[in-house]
PDB file of N, CA and C in Angstrom:
ATOM      1  N   MET A   1      96.430  53.013 -10.561  1.00  0.00           N
ATOM      2  CA  MET A   1      96.870  54.147 -11.343  1.00  0.00           C
ATOM      3  C   MET A   1      96.641  53.853 -12.824  1.00  0.00           C
ATOM      4  N   LEU A   2      96.301  54.900 -13.564  1.00  0.00           N
ATOM      5  CA  LEU A   2      96.096  54.761 -14.990  1.00  0.00           C
ATOM      6  C   LEU A   2      97.401  55.020 -15.741  1.00  0.00           C
ATOM      7  N   THR A   3      97.603  54.301 -16.805  1.00  0.00           N
ATOM      8  CA  THR A   3      98.688  54.590 -17.729  1.00  0.00           C
ATOM      9  C   THR A   3      98.056  55.088 -19.012  1.00  0.00           C
ATOM     10  N   VAL A   4      98.474  56.276 -19.433  1.00  0.00           N
ATOM     11  CA  VAL A   4      97.969  56.873 -20.663  1.00  0.00           C
ATOM     12  C   VAL A   4      99.077  56.775 -21.708  1.00  0.00           C
ATOM     13  N   TYR A   5      98.874  55.920 -22.688  1.00  0.00           N
ATOM     14  CA  TYR A   5      99.811  55.804 -23.795  1.00  0.00           C
ATOM     15  C   TYR A   5      99.382  56.811 -24.847  1.00  0.00           C
ATOM     16  N   GLU A   6     100.296  57.712 -25.196  1.00  0.00           N
ATOM     17  CA  GLU A   6      99.942  58.800 -26.093  1.00  0.00           C
ATOM     18  C   GLU A   6     100.887  58.888 -27.279  1.00  0.00           C
ATOM     19  N   LYS A   7     100.445  59.650 -28.276  1.00  0.00           N
ATOM     20  CA  LYS A   7     101.322  59.980 -29.387  1.00  0.00           C
ATOM     21  C   LYS A   7     101.424  61.496 -29.478  1.00  0.00           C
ATOM     22  N   ASP A   8     102.443  61.983 -30.153  1.00  0.00           N
ATOM     23  CA  ASP A   8     102.679  63.415 -30.265  1.00  0.00           C
ATOM     24  C   ASP A   8     101.531  64.118 -30.984  1.00  0.00           C
ATOM     25  N   ASN A   9     101.263  65.336 -30.548  1.00  0.00           N
ATOM     26  CA  ASN A   9     100.266  66.206 -31.184  1.00  0.00           C
ATOM     27  C   ASN A   9      98.888  65.563 -31.286  1.00  0.00           C
ATOM     28  N   CYS A  10      98.506  64.843 -30.271  1.00  0.00           N
ATOM     29  CA  CYS A  10      97.224  64.127 -30.260  1.00  0.00           C
ATOM     30  C   CYS A  10      96.226  64.903 -29.401  1.00  0.00           C
ATOM     31  N   GLN A  11      95.181  65.427 -30.030  1.00  0.00           N
ATOM     32  CA  GLN A  11      94.188  66.208 -29.302  1.00  0.00           C
ATOM     33  C   GLN A  11      93.395  65.352 -28.311  1.00  0.00           C
ATOM     34  N   ALA A  12      93.080  64.139 -28.684  1.00  0.00           N
ATOM     35  CA  ALA A  12      92.354  63.248 -27.773  1.00  0.00           C
ATOM     36  C   ALA A  12      93.216  62.914 -26.552  1.00  0.00           C
ATOM     37  N   CYS A  13      94.514  62.777 -26.776  1.00  0.00           N
ATOM     38  CA  CYS A  13      95.434  62.502 -25.662  1.00  0.00           C
ATOM     39  C   CYS A  13      95.456  63.694 -24.708  1.00  0.00           C
ATOM     40  N   LEU A  14      95.541  64.889 -25.272  1.00  0.00           N
ATOM     41  CA  LEU A  14      95.549  66.102 -24.464  1.00  0.00           C
ATOM     42  C   LEU A  14      94.251  66.244 -23.674  1.00  0.00           C
ATOM     43  N   PHE A  15      93.116  66.008 -24.323  1.00  0.00           N
ATOM     44  CA  PHE A  15      91.822  66.074 -23.651  1.00  0.00           C
ATOM     45  C   PHE A  15      91.763  65.088 -22.479  1.00  0.00           C
ATOM     46  N   THR A  16      92.209  63.870 -22.721  1.00  0.00           N
ATOM     47  CA  THR A  16      92.180  62.841 -21.678  1.00  0.00           C
ATOM     48  C   THR A  16      93.035  63.248 -20.494  1.00  0.00           C
ATOM     49  N   LYS A  17      94.251  63.704 -20.741  1.00  0.00           N
ATOM     50  CA  LYS A  17      95.145  64.110 -19.656  1.00  0.00           C
ATOM     51  C   LYS A  17      94.584  65.303 -18.897  1.00  0.00           C
ATOM     52  N   ARG A  18      94.031  66.272 -19.610  1.00  0.00           N
ATOM     53  CA  ARG A  18      93.449  67.446 -18.940  1.00  0.00           C
ATOM     54  C   ARG A  18      92.266  67.047 -18.065  1.00  0.00           C
ATOM     55  N   THR A  19      91.420  66.174 -18.579  1.00  0.00           N
ATOM     56  CA  THR A  19      90.256  65.734 -17.812  1.00  0.00           C
ATOM     57  C   THR A  19      90.688  64.992 -16.555  1.00  0.00           C
ATOM     58  N   LEU A  20      91.622  64.077 -16.695  1.00  0.00           N
ATOM     59  CA  LEU A  20      92.101  63.326 -15.531  1.00  0.00           C
ATOM     60  C   LEU A  20      92.755  64.257 -14.515  1.00  0.00           C
ATOM     61  N   SER A  21      93.582  65.174 -14.986  1.00  0.00           N
ATOM     62  CA  SER A  21      94.252  66.122 -14.080  1.00  0.00           C
ATOM     63  C   SER A  21      93.244  67.005 -13.359  1.00  0.00           C
ATOM     64  N   LYS A  22      92.247  67.483 -14.087  1.00  0.00           N
ATOM     65  CA  LYS A  22      91.220  68.355 -13.511  1.00  0.00           C
ATOM     66  C   LYS A  22      90.523  67.687 -12.328  1.00  0.00           C
ATOM     67  N   HIS A  23      90.388  66.366 -12.391  1.00  0.00           N
ATOM     68  CA  HIS A  23      89.696  65.625 -11.341  1.00  0.00           C
ATOM     69  C   HIS A  23      90.651  64.964 -10.344  1.00  0.00           C
ATOM     70  N   GLY A  24      91.934  65.295 -10.436  1.00  0.00           N
ATOM     71  CA  GLY A  24      92.904  64.784  -9.473  1.00  0.00           C
ATOM     72  C   GLY A  24      93.206  63.307  -9.602  1.00  0.00           C
ATOM     73  N   VAL A  25      93.000  62.741 -10.780  1.00  0.00           N
ATOM     74  CA  VAL A  25      93.261  61.313 -11.002  1.00  0.00           C
ATOM     75  C   VAL A  25      94.754  61.108 -11.264  1.00  0.00           C
ATOM     76  N   ASP A  26      95.345  60.176 -10.529  1.00  0.00           N
ATOM     77  CA  ASP A  26      96.757  59.847 -10.747  1.00  0.00           C
ATOM     78  C   ASP A  26      96.910  59.042 -12.033  1.00  0.00           C
ATOM     79  N   TYR A  27      97.857  59.444 -12.853  1.00  0.00           N
ATOM     80  CA  TYR A  27      98.137  58.715 -14.082  1.00  0.00           C
ATOM     81  C   TYR A  27      99.586  58.959 -14.484  1.00  0.00           C
ATOM     82  N   GLU A  28     100.099  58.052 -15.267  1.00  0.00           N
ATOM     83  CA  GLU A  28     101.425  58.241 -15.835  1.00  0.00           C
ATOM     84  C   GLU A  28     101.277  58.232 -17.349  1.00  0.00           C
ATOM     85  N   VAL A  29     102.160  58.950 -18.008  1.00  0.00           N
ATOM     86  CA  VAL A  29     102.107  59.079 -19.461  1.00  0.00           C
ATOM     87  C   VAL A  29     103.302  58.357 -20.060  1.00  0.00           C
ATOM     88  N   LYS A  30     103.014  57.556 -21.073  1.00  0.00           N
ATOM     89  CA  LYS A  30     104.061  56.852 -21.804  1.00  0.00           C
ATOM     90  C   LYS A  30     103.772  56.980 -23.295  1.00  0.00           C
ATOM     91  N   PRO A  31     104.822  56.951 -24.103  1.00  0.00           N
ATOM     92  CA  PRO A  31     104.588  57.004 -25.551  1.00  0.00           C
ATOM     93  C   PRO A  31     104.049  55.666 -26.062  1.00  0.00           C
ATOM     94  N   ILE A  32     103.287  55.732 -27.139  1.00  0.00           N
ATOM     95  CA  ILE A  32     102.815  54.501 -27.771  1.00  0.00           C
ATOM     96  C   ILE A  32     103.982  53.915 -28.566  1.00  0.00           C
ATOM     97  N   THR A  33     104.451  52.778 -28.117  1.00  0.00           N
ATOM     98  CA  THR A  33     105.540  52.088 -28.812  1.00  0.00           C
ATOM     99  C   THR A  33     104.952  51.073 -29.790  1.00  0.00           C
ATOM    100  N   ASP A  34     105.798  50.494 -30.610  1.00  0.00           N
ATOM    101  CA  ASP A  34     105.331  49.470 -31.535  1.00  0.00           C
ATOM    102  C   ASP A  34     104.728  48.287 -30.782  1.00  0.00           C
ATOM    103  N   GLU A  35     105.325  47.932 -29.658  1.00  0.00           N
ATOM    104  CA  GLU A  35     104.824  46.811 -28.851  1.00  0.00           C
ATOM    105  C   GLU A  35     103.428  47.125 -28.302  1.00  0.00           C
ATOM    106  N   VAL A  36     103.249  48.314 -27.762  1.00  0.00           N
ATOM    107  CA  VAL A  36     101.944  48.731 -27.235  1.00  0.00           C
ATOM    108  C   VAL A  36     100.927  48.787 -28.367  1.00  0.00           C
ATOM    109  N   LEU A  37     101.328  49.335 -29.492  1.00  0.00           N
ATOM    110  CA  LEU A  37     100.428  49.444 -30.640  1.00  0.00           C
ATOM    111  C   LEU A  37      99.979  48.074 -31.126  1.00  0.00           C
ATOM    112  N   ALA A  38     100.889  47.114 -31.176  1.00  0.00           N
ATOM    113  CA  ALA A  38     100.544  45.757 -31.609  1.00  0.00           C
ATOM    114  C   ALA A  38      99.558  45.112 -30.637  1.00  0.00           C
ATOM    115  N   HIS A  39      99.802  45.262 -29.340  1.00  0.00           N
ATOM    116  CA  HIS A  39      98.905  44.679 -28.341  1.00  0.00           C
ATOM    117  C   HIS A  39      97.536  45.343 -28.413  1.00  0.00           C
ATOM    118  N   ALA A  40      97.528  46.658 -28.552  1.00  0.00           N
ATOM    119  CA  ALA A  40      96.263  47.392 -28.640  1.00  0.00           C
ATOM    120  C   ALA A  40      95.472  46.960 -29.876  1.00  0.00           C
ATOM    121  N   ALA A  41      96.154  46.759 -30.975  1.00  0.00           N
ATOM    122  CA  ALA A  41      95.481  46.336 -32.207  1.00  0.00           C
ATOM    123  C   ALA A  41      94.837  44.964 -32.034  1.00  0.00           C
ATOM    124  N   GLU A  42      95.485  44.077 -31.284  1.00  0.00           N
ATOM    125  CA  GLU A  42      94.907  42.756 -31.003  1.00  0.00           C
ATOM    126  C   GLU A  42      93.579  42.886 -30.253  1.00  0.00           C
ATOM    127  N   LEU A  43      93.460  43.938 -29.460  1.00  0.00           N
ATOM    128  CA  LEU A  43      92.240  44.177 -28.681  1.00  0.00           C
ATOM    129  C   LEU A  43      91.221  45.003 -29.454  1.00  0.00           C
ATOM    130  N   GLY A  44      91.575  45.404 -30.667  1.00  0.00           N
ATOM    131  CA  GLY A  44      90.656  46.167 -31.497  1.00  0.00           C
ATOM    132  C   GLY A  44      90.737  47.673 -31.324  1.00  0.00           C
ATOM    133  N   PHE A  45      91.719  48.147 -30.584  1.00  0.00           N
ATOM    134  CA  PHE A  45      91.870  49.585 -30.388  1.00  0.00           C
ATOM    135  C   PHE A  45      92.512  50.194 -31.625  1.00  0.00           C
ATOM    136  N   GLN A  46      91.948  51.311 -32.078  1.00  0.00           N
ATOM    137  CA  GLN A  46      92.447  51.927 -33.300  1.00  0.00           C
ATOM    138  C   GLN A  46      92.778  53.398 -33.155  1.00  0.00           C
ATOM    139  N   SER A  47      92.659  53.943 -31.955  1.00  0.00           N
ATOM    140  CA  SER A  47      92.945  55.361 -31.793  1.00  0.00           C
ATOM    141  C   SER A  47      93.675  55.619 -30.483  1.00  0.00           C
ATOM    142  N   ALA A  48      94.320  56.765 -30.432  1.00  0.00           N
ATOM    143  CA  ALA A  48      95.028  57.184 -29.236  1.00  0.00           C
ATOM    144  C   ALA A  48      94.134  58.158 -28.468  1.00  0.00           C
ATOM    145  N   PRO A  49      94.324  58.272 -27.178  1.00  0.00           N
ATOM    146  CA  PRO A  49      95.269  57.526 -26.366  1.00  0.00           C
ATOM    147  C   PRO A  49      94.751  56.124 -26.059  1.00  0.00           C
ATOM    148  N   ILE A  50      95.625  55.342 -25.517  1.00  0.00           N
ATOM    149  CA  ILE A  50      95.249  54.031 -24.992  1.00  0.00           C
ATOM    150  C   ILE A  50      95.433  54.141 -23.482  1.00  0.00           C
ATOM    151  N   VAL A  51      94.369  53.908 -22.751  1.00  0.00           N
ATOM    152  CA  VAL A  51      94.393  54.073 -21.297  1.00  0.00           C
ATOM    153  C   VAL A  51      94.244  52.699 -20.656  1.00  0.00           C
ATOM    154  N   VAL A  52      95.203  52.374 -19.784  1.00  0.00           N
ATOM    155  CA  VAL A  52      95.223  51.061 -19.138  1.00  0.00           C
ATOM    156  C   VAL A  52      95.178  51.254 -17.617  1.00  0.00           C
ATOM    157  N   PRO A  53      94.086  50.849 -16.972  1.00  0.00           N
ATOM    158  CA  PRO A  53      93.989  50.957 -15.519  1.00  0.00           C
ATOM    159  C   PRO A  53      94.785  49.858 -14.812  1.00  0.00           C
ATOM    160  N   ASP A  54      95.652  50.252 -13.926  1.00  0.00           N
ATOM    161  CA  ASP A  54      96.401  49.320 -13.071  1.00  0.00           C
ATOM    162  C   ASP A  54      97.067  48.187 -13.857  1.00  0.00           C
ATOM    163  N   GLY A  55      97.506  48.473 -15.071  1.00  0.00           N
ATOM    164  CA  GLY A  55      98.180  47.459 -15.881  1.00  0.00           C
ATOM    165  C   GLY A  55      97.274  46.361 -16.403  1.00  0.00           C
ATOM    166  N   ASP A  56      95.974  46.510 -16.223  1.00  0.00           N
ATOM    167  CA  ASP A  56      95.012  45.488 -16.619  1.00  0.00           C
ATOM    168  C   ASP A  56      94.427  45.813 -17.991  1.00  0.00           C
ATOM    169  N   TRP A  57      94.987  45.185 -19.015  1.00  0.00           N
ATOM    170  CA  TRP A  57      94.563  45.451 -20.391  1.00  0.00           C
ATOM    171  C   TRP A  57      93.116  45.037 -20.638  1.00  0.00           C
ATOM    172  N   SER A  58      92.554  44.180 -19.807  1.00  0.00           N
ATOM    173  CA  SER A  58      91.145  43.795 -20.005  1.00  0.00           C
ATOM    174  C   SER A  58      90.200  44.940 -19.668  1.00  0.00           C
ATOM    175  N   LYS A  59      90.701  45.958 -18.954  1.00  0.00           N
ATOM    176  CA  LYS A  59      89.896  47.124 -18.593  1.00  0.00           C
ATOM    177  C   LYS A  59      90.297  48.365 -19.395  1.00  0.00           C
ATOM    178  N   ALA A  60      91.160  48.185 -20.374  1.00  0.00           N
ATOM    179  CA  ALA A  60      91.689  49.313 -21.146  1.00  0.00           C
ATOM    180  C   ALA A  60      90.658  49.859 -22.120  1.00  0.00           C
ATOM    181  N   TRP A  61      90.888  51.114 -22.547  1.00  0.00           N
ATOM    182  CA  TRP A  61      90.083  51.707 -23.607  1.00  0.00           C
ATOM    183  C   TRP A  61      90.984  52.591 -24.463  1.00  0.00           C
ATOM    184  N   SER A  62      90.463  52.982 -25.598  1.00  0.00           N
ATOM    185  CA  SER A  62      91.233  53.863 -26.477  1.00  0.00           C
ATOM    186  C   SER A  62      90.377  55.048 -26.891  1.00  0.00           C
ATOM    187  N   GLY A  63      91.073  56.089 -27.295  1.00  0.00           N
ATOM    188  CA  GLY A  63      90.399  57.297 -27.732  1.00  0.00           C
ATOM    189  C   GLY A  63      89.912  58.130 -26.565  1.00  0.00           C
ATOM    190  N   SER A  64      89.390  59.269 -26.899  1.00  0.00           N
ATOM    191  CA  SER A  64      88.820  60.163 -25.903  1.00  0.00           C
ATOM    192  C   SER A  64      87.464  59.586 -25.508  1.00  0.00           C
ATOM    193  N   ASN A  65      87.381  59.040 -24.310  1.00  0.00           N
ATOM    194  CA  ASN A  65      86.199  58.291 -23.914  1.00  0.00           C
ATOM    195  C   ASN A  65      85.678  58.796 -22.563  1.00  0.00           C
ATOM    196  N   PRO A  66      84.892  59.879 -22.581  1.00  0.00           N
ATOM    197  CA  PRO A  66      84.384  60.425 -21.318  1.00  0.00           C
ATOM    198  C   PRO A  66      83.597  59.429 -20.476  1.00  0.00           C
ATOM    199  N   THR A  67      82.891  58.514 -21.116  1.00  0.00           N
ATOM    200  CA  THR A  67      82.109  57.520 -20.370  1.00  0.00           C
ATOM    201  C   THR A  67      83.026  56.639 -19.533  1.00  0.00           C
ATOM    202  N   ARG A  68      84.104  56.163 -20.113  1.00  0.00           N
ATOM    203  CA  ARG A  68      85.044  55.317 -19.369  1.00  0.00           C
ATOM    204  C   ARG A  68      85.799  56.121 -18.305  1.00  0.00           C
ATOM    205  N   MET A  69      86.146  57.370 -18.626  1.00  0.00           N
ATOM    206  CA  MET A  69      86.864  58.202 -17.662  1.00  0.00           C
ATOM    207  C   MET A  69      86.001  58.522 -16.455  1.00  0.00           C
ATOM    208  N   LYS A  70      84.694  58.559 -16.637  1.00  0.00           N
ATOM    209  CA  LYS A  70      83.776  58.925 -15.553  1.00  0.00           C
ATOM    210  C   LYS A  70      83.944  57.997 -14.337  1.00  0.00           C
ATOM    211  N   ALA A  71      84.305  56.757 -14.565  1.00  0.00           N
ATOM    212  CA  ALA A  71      84.537  55.831 -13.440  1.00  0.00           C
ATOM    213  C   ALA A  71      85.687  56.315 -12.555  1.00  0.00           C
ATOM    214  N   TYR A  72      86.570  57.147 -13.102  1.00  0.00           N
ATOM    215  CA  TYR A  72      87.728  57.624 -12.354  1.00  0.00           C
ATOM    216  C   TYR A  72      87.602  59.092 -11.948  1.00  0.00           C
ATOM    217  N   THR A  73      86.741  59.828 -12.645  1.00  0.00           N
ATOM    218  CA  THR A  73      86.623  61.258 -12.375  1.00  0.00           C
ATOM    219  C   THR A  73      85.392  61.622 -11.563  1.00  0.00           C
ATOM    220  N   GLY A  74      84.513  60.644 -11.341  1.00  0.00           N
ATOM    221  CA  GLY A  74      83.340  60.859 -10.502  1.00  0.00           C
ATOM    222  C   GLY A  74      82.175  61.448 -11.155  1.00  0.00           C
TER     223      GLY A  74
END
């Protein structure tokens, strides 16, 4: 399952959630906390959302990334 860390009023977050929902991909939504933001920054992520597959940060991505989502949306 994907975890989508989002922030309020984020268009990229909305796009990501809509795309995943449209393709029936299971995901959970959580707010970006300071802890998540710090970890994401260590990985070089600078934009929301931050998407983490199966809790595996080594496979995570940030921002609206259709190429990465394609692995889950077919």
